Amino acid sequence: MRQMQEPSFLILTALAAGPQHGYGVIADVERISDGQVRLRAGTLYAAIDRLLSEGLIAEDREEIVDGRLRRYYRLTGDGAARLAAEAERMHRHASAAVARLRVAGQGGAA
């Protein structure tokens, strides 16, 4: 399994809270990342297309708001499993880094 790109990881994380439309995902990713990641629409929809094709997310529903189509996406079971595996992988790597910093006397928080 190849490493997941940060935008995909954050999109899956946003959808783990429940179905959202594109703008909602963009806003949620910014909140999750404390403003460090600001997805542009092109990046979001390219990632969504890839995540749909991999079966990690699915279209949930559509609605018309102010005359415009709003499509909602949801995390699939495979998407939740992949997100959990990626979060665990990242956690292991971060724990190793913190442990080595402590051994080297350079601090680091757990």
Protein backbone atom coordinates (compact mmCIF):
# COMPACT_ATOMS: atom_id res chain seq x y z
CA MET A 1 0.00 0.00 0.00
CA ARG A 2 1.51 3.33 -0.98
CA GLN A 3 1.64 6.31 1.33
CA MET A 4 -1.37 8.59 1.18
CA GLN A 5 -0.91 12.23 0.20
CA GLU A 6 -1.78 14.82 2.87
CA PRO A 7 -4.81 16.29 1.03
CA SER A 8 -6.36 12.82 0.64
CA PHE A 9 -5.69 12.00 4.30
CA LEU A 10 -7.34 15.24 5.41
CA ILE A 11 -10.31 14.79 3.08
CA LEU A 12 -10.92 11.30 4.48
CA THR A 13 -10.53 12.69 8.00
CA ALA A 14 -13.13 15.37 7.27
CA LEU A 15 -15.55 12.79 5.85
CA ALA A 16 -15.05 10.53 8.88
CA ALA A 17 -17.34 12.97 10.76
CA GLY A 18 -20.14 12.40 8.22
CA PRO A 19 -21.16 13.29 4.66
CA GLN A 20 -20.14 16.73 3.42
CA HIS A 21 -20.22 18.72 0.20
CA GLY A 22 -17.07 20.11 -1.42
CA TYR A 23 -17.05 23.52 0.26
CA GLY A 24 -17.75 21.87 3.62
CA VAL A 25 -14.74 19.59 3.11
CA ILE A 26 -12.52 22.57 2.24
CA ALA A 27 -13.59 24.42 5.39
CA ASP A 28 -13.28 21.31 7.58
CA VAL A 29 -9.77 20.52 6.30
CA GLU A 30 -8.72 24.06 7.18
CA ARG A 31 -10.14 23.59 10.72
CA ILE A 32 -8.57 20.12 11.15
CA SER A 33 -5.16 21.46 10.10
CA ASP A 34 -5.42 24.63 12.23
CA GLY A 35 -5.27 26.69 9.06
CA GLN A 36 -2.08 25.02 7.80
CA VAL A 37 -3.78 23.39 4.79
CA ARG A 38 -6.08 25.33 2.50
CA LEU A 39 -7.35 23.14 -0.31
CA ARG A 40 -8.12 24.78 -3.62
CA ALA A 41 -11.13 23.53 -5.55
CA GLY A 42 -8.95 21.94 -8.24
CA THR A 43 -6.93 20.00 -5.66
CA LEU A 44 -10.08 18.94 -3.82
CA TYR A 45 -11.92 17.64 -6.86
CA ALA A 46 -8.88 15.87 -8.31
CA ALA A 47 -8.46 14.10 -4.96
CA ILE A 48 -12.20 13.35 -4.77
CA ASP A 49 -12.10 11.78 -8.25
CA ARG A 50 -9.16 9.60 -7.18
CA LEU A 51 -10.77 8.63 -3.86
CA LEU A 52 -14.04 7.76 -5.66
CA SER A 53 -12.20 5.57 -8.18
CA GLU A 54 -10.36 3.79 -5.33
CA GLY A 55 -13.66 3.16 -3.51
CA LEU A 56 -12.56 5.09 -0.42
CA ILE A 57 -15.44 7.56 -0.68
CA ALA A 58 -18.83 7.47 -2.40
CA GLU A 59 -21.39 10.00 -3.50
CA ASP A 60 -23.97 10.32 -0.73
CA ARG A 61 -26.63 12.62 -2.18
CA GLU A 62 -27.23 15.74 -4.22
CA GLU A 63 -29.34 18.79 -3.55
CA ILE A 64 -30.03 22.09 -5.25
CA VAL A 65 -29.11 25.16 -3.20
CA ASP A 66 -29.71 28.61 -4.67
CA GLY A 67 -30.09 27.03 -8.12
CA ARG A 68 -26.75 25.20 -7.90
CA LEU A 69 -26.08 21.51 -7.51
CA ARG A 70 -24.43 20.52 -4.24
CA ARG A 71 -23.01 16.99 -4.17
CA TYR A 72 -22.26 15.30 -0.84
CA TYR A 73 -19.61 12.63 -0.32
CA ARG A 74 -19.25 10.01 2.41
CA LEU A 75 -16.51 7.76 3.68
CA THR A 76 -16.89 4.07 2.72
CA GLY A 77 -15.92 1.12 4.90
CA ASP A 78 -12.76 0.69 2.82
CA GLY A 79 -12.07 4.40 3.25
CA ALA A 80 -12.40 4.18 7.02
CA ALA A 81 -10.06 1.18 7.10
CA ARG A 82 -7.50 2.96 4.91
CA LEU A 83 -7.72 6.13 7.02
CA ALA A 84 -7.19 4.10 10.21
CA ALA A 85 -4.18 2.29 8.69
CA GLU A 86 -2.64 5.56 7.50
CA ALA A 87 -3.21 7.24 10.87
CA GLU A 88 -1.54 4.29 12.61
CA ARG A 89 1.41 4.42 10.20
CA MET A 90 1.88 8.13 10.82
CA HIS A 91 1.58 7.64 14.58
CA ARG A 92 4.31 4.95 14.55
CA HIS A 93 6.63 7.22 12.59
CA ALA A 94 5.98 10.20 14.86
CA SER A 95 6.54 8.06 17.97
CA ALA A 96 9.88 6.84 16.59
CA ALA A 97 10.96 10.42 15.90
CA VAL A 98 10.02 11.58 19.40
CA ALA A 99 11.80 8.63 21.00
CA ARG A 100 15.00 9.32 19.06
CA LEU A 101 14.87 13.02 19.91
CA ARG A 102 14.58 12.13 23.60
CA VAL A 103 17.54 9.74 23.40
CA ALA A 104 19.54 12.47 21.67
CA GLY A 105 18.59 14.90 24.47
CA GLN A 106 16.74 17.16 22.09
CA GLY A 107 13.34 17.00 23.78
CA GLY A 108 10.10 16.31 22.02
CA ALA A 109 6.62 15.75 23.39
CA ALA A 110 4.82 12.44 23.50
